N, C-alpha and C. Protein backbone atom coordinates (compact mmCIF):
# COMPACT_ATOMS: atom_id res chain seq x y z
N MET A 1 -24.09 6.72 -0.71
CA MET A 1 -22.38 7.76 -1.40
C MET A 1 -21.77 7.13 -0.40
N LEU A 2 -22.50 7.63 1.21
CA LEU A 2 -21.06 8.13 2.13
C LEU A 2 -21.16 6.63 2.56
N MET A 3 -21.16 4.65 2.49
CA MET A 3 -20.80 4.02 3.02
C MET A 3 -19.41 4.13 2.37
N GLY A 4 -19.69 3.87 0.71
CA GLY A 4 -18.79 3.77 -0.12
C GLY A 4 -17.90 4.41 -0.20
N ALA A 5 -17.89 5.71 0.39
CA ALA A 5 -16.86 6.61 0.66
C ALA A 5 -15.53 6.10 1.72
N SER A 6 -16.79 5.70 2.40
CA SER A 6 -15.93 5.21 3.83
C SER A 6 -15.06 3.41 3.60
N ILE A 7 -15.34 3.27 2.34
CA ILE A 7 -15.23 2.03 1.91
C ILE A 7 -13.97 2.22 1.56
N ALA A 8 -13.88 3.11 0.15
CA ALA A 8 -12.91 3.86 -0.82
C ALA A 8 -11.73 4.10 0.43
N SER A 9 -11.98 4.98 1.29
CA SER A 9 -11.09 5.89 1.99
C SER A 9 -10.42 4.11 2.59
N ILE A 10 -10.97 3.18 2.94
CA ILE A 10 -10.46 1.90 4.30
C ILE A 10 -9.15 1.53 3.26
N VAL A 11 -9.80 1.28 1.74
CA VAL A 11 -8.93 0.05 1.25
C VAL A 11 -8.04 1.36 0.79
N TRP A 12 -8.04 2.70 0.62
CA TRP A 12 -6.95 3.48 0.24
C TRP A 12 -5.53 2.75 1.42
N ILE A 13 -6.93 3.26 2.99
CA ILE A 13 -5.59 3.39 3.77
C ILE A 13 -5.19 1.99 3.73
N ALA A 14 -5.38 1.35 3.41
CA ALA A 14 -4.75 -0.16 3.87
C ALA A 14 -3.93 -0.36 2.65
N PHE A 15 -3.91 0.09 1.68
CA PHE A 15 -3.37 -0.26 0.15
C PHE A 15 -2.17 0.52 -0.16
N VAL A 16 -2.10 1.65 0.34
CA VAL A 16 -1.15 2.53 0.41
C VAL A 16 0.35 2.29 1.34
N PRO A 17 0.37 2.26 2.63
CA PRO A 17 1.61 1.12 2.94
C PRO A 17 1.43 -0.26 2.53
N TRP A 18 0.90 -0.97 2.49
CA TRP A 18 1.33 -2.28 1.77
C TRP A 18 1.51 -1.99 -0.30
N ALA A 19 1.59 -1.65 -0.34
CA ALA A 19 2.87 -0.47 -1.90
C ALA A 19 3.67 -0.13 -0.91
N LYS A 20 4.74 0.39 -0.37
CA LYS A 20 5.02 1.22 0.04
C LYS A 20 6.04 -0.13 0.46
N LEU A 21 5.58 -0.85 1.47
CA LEU A 21 6.36 -1.77 1.96
C LEU A 21 6.57 -2.83 0.70
N LYS A 22 6.01 -3.10 -0.73
CA LYS A 22 6.16 -3.84 -1.53
C LYS A 22 7.41 -3.39 -1.85
N ARG A 23 7.44 -2.10 -2.10
CA ARG A 23 8.58 -1.39 -3.26
C ARG A 23 9.56 -1.70 -1.75
N LEU A 24 9.47 -1.00 -1.46
CA LEU A 24 10.83 -1.10 0.20
C LEU A 24 11.68 -2.29 -0.11
N LYS A 25 11.25 -3.36 -0.07
CA LYS A 25 11.76 -5.58 -0.28
C LYS A 25 12.56 -4.61 -1.53
N GLU A 26 11.20 -4.45 -2.96
CA GLU A 26 11.86 -5.06 -4.02
C GLU A 26 13.34 -4.28 -3.85
N ILE A 27 13.11 -3.18 -3.30
CA ILE A 27 14.52 -2.39 -3.25
C ILE A 27 16.12 -2.38 -2.58
N GLU A 28 15.76 -3.53 -0.82
CA GLU A 28 16.49 -4.09 -0.35
C GLU A 28 17.65 -5.28 -1.25
N ARG A 29 16.14 -6.08 -1.49
CA ARG A 29 16.21 -7.14 -2.31
C ARG A 29 18.01 -7.08 -3.90
N ARG A 30 17.20 -5.84 -4.47
CA ARG A 30 18.29 -5.47 -5.49
C ARG A 30 19.56 -5.30 -5.17
N GLU A 31 19.51 -4.20 -3.37
CA GLU A 31 20.85 -3.84 -3.37
C GLU A 31 21.81 -5.39 -2.16
N THR A 32 21.34 -6.30 -2.10
CA THR A 32 21.49 -7.15 -1.58
C THR A 32 22.26 -7.67 -2.28
N GLU A 33 21.81 -8.17 -3.76
CA GLU A 33 22.00 -8.95 -4.77
C GLU A 33 23.21 -8.28 -5.32
């Protein structure tokens, strides 16, 4: 249980910034066009 929670937290910490960067890049692409 503890190991699963730690893996989930690592995935969350890695995924959230990646999703935000992807969203920012999409917004920048729309502004440049």
